[in-house]
Amino acid sequence: RSSNREVRTNHIIHSRMVISDQESLLISSADFTRDQLMDEFNAGLLTGDEQAIEDAEDYFDHLWSVSEPL
């Protein structure tokens, strides 16, 4: 919110996803905290596959459209 960007919430989504410059995609079950990344067992995928990134962008757009503004 402090960046003056729109924020939305959806209480049924568990996964975390980061798309960086349409070149890298990270999907993970971990929160982006030290405990989740270092001390707990979580799974994730980092890829540069163009089709996977495109599919993830479509997935994100759909989730955004069905989520509620904060």
Protein backbone atom coordinates (compact mmCIF):
# COMPACT_ATOMS: atom_id res chain seq x y z
CA ARG A 1 0.00 0.00 0.00
CA SER A 2 2.83 2.40 0.74
CA SER A 3 3.88 2.26 -2.92
CA ASN A 4 0.49 3.65 -3.99
CA ARG A 5 -0.21 0.48 -5.97
CA GLU A 6 -3.44 -1.44 -6.02
CA VAL A 7 -3.43 -4.40 -3.64
CA ARG A 8 -5.86 -7.28 -3.75
CA THR A 9 -6.52 -10.24 -1.49
CA ASN A 10 -7.82 -13.74 -1.99
CA HIS A 11 -8.13 -16.07 0.99
CA ILE A 12 -8.07 -19.34 -0.94
CA ILE A 13 -4.67 -18.89 -2.65
CA HIS A 14 -1.70 -20.53 -0.95
CA SER A 15 1.06 -20.45 -3.56
CA ARG A 16 3.53 -17.62 -4.04
CA MET A 17 4.56 -16.49 -7.51
CA VAL A 18 7.13 -13.98 -8.76
CA ILE A 19 7.56 -13.06 -12.42
CA SER A 20 10.65 -10.98 -13.10
CA ASP A 21 10.85 -8.96 -16.33
CA GLN A 22 9.11 -11.77 -18.28
CA GLU A 23 12.42 -13.68 -18.02
CA SER A 24 12.18 -15.64 -14.77
CA LEU A 25 9.35 -17.33 -12.90
CA LEU A 26 9.42 -18.52 -9.30
CA ILE A 27 6.50 -20.52 -7.91
CA SER A 28 6.77 -21.72 -4.32
CA SER A 29 4.77 -22.96 -1.37
CA ALA A 30 7.00 -20.93 0.98
CA ASP A 31 6.30 -17.49 2.35
CA PHE A 32 9.18 -15.17 1.54
CA THR A 33 10.47 -15.15 5.12
CA ARG A 34 13.69 -16.50 6.56
CA ASP A 35 11.88 -19.24 8.52
CA GLN A 36 9.92 -20.47 5.52
CA LEU A 37 12.90 -20.39 3.16
CA MET A 38 15.56 -21.81 5.49
CA ASP A 39 14.01 -23.78 8.36
CA GLU A 40 10.93 -25.46 6.90
CA PHE A 41 10.33 -27.96 4.12
CA ASN A 42 8.74 -26.22 1.15
CA ALA A 43 8.90 -26.81 -2.58
CA GLY A 44 9.43 -24.38 -5.40
CA LEU A 45 10.31 -24.05 -9.05
CA LEU A 46 12.51 -21.45 -10.73
CA THR A 47 12.40 -21.37 -14.54
CA GLY A 48 13.10 -19.19 -17.52
CA ASP A 49 10.82 -21.21 -19.81
CA GLU A 50 8.90 -18.71 -21.97
CA GLN A 51 5.70 -20.79 -22.15
CA ALA A 52 5.66 -21.32 -18.38
CA ILE A 53 6.10 -17.58 -17.82
CA GLU A 54 3.29 -16.77 -20.25
CA ASP A 55 0.99 -19.32 -18.59
CA ALA A 56 1.85 -17.89 -15.15
CA GLU A 57 1.01 -14.38 -16.35
CA ASP A 58 -2.39 -15.61 -17.58
CA TYR A 59 -2.94 -17.38 -14.25
CA PHE A 60 -2.03 -14.23 -12.33
CA ASP A 61 -4.36 -12.08 -14.46
CA HIS A 62 -7.23 -14.48 -13.73
CA LEU A 63 -6.50 -14.51 -9.98
CA TRP A 64 -6.28 -10.72 -9.97
CA SER A 65 -9.68 -10.44 -11.64
CA VAL A 66 -11.40 -12.65 -9.04
CA SER A 67 -9.66 -11.16 -5.98
CA GLU A 68 -10.95 -8.35 -3.79
CA PRO A 69 -9.31 -4.91 -3.52
CA LEU A 70 -8.04 -4.10 -0.05
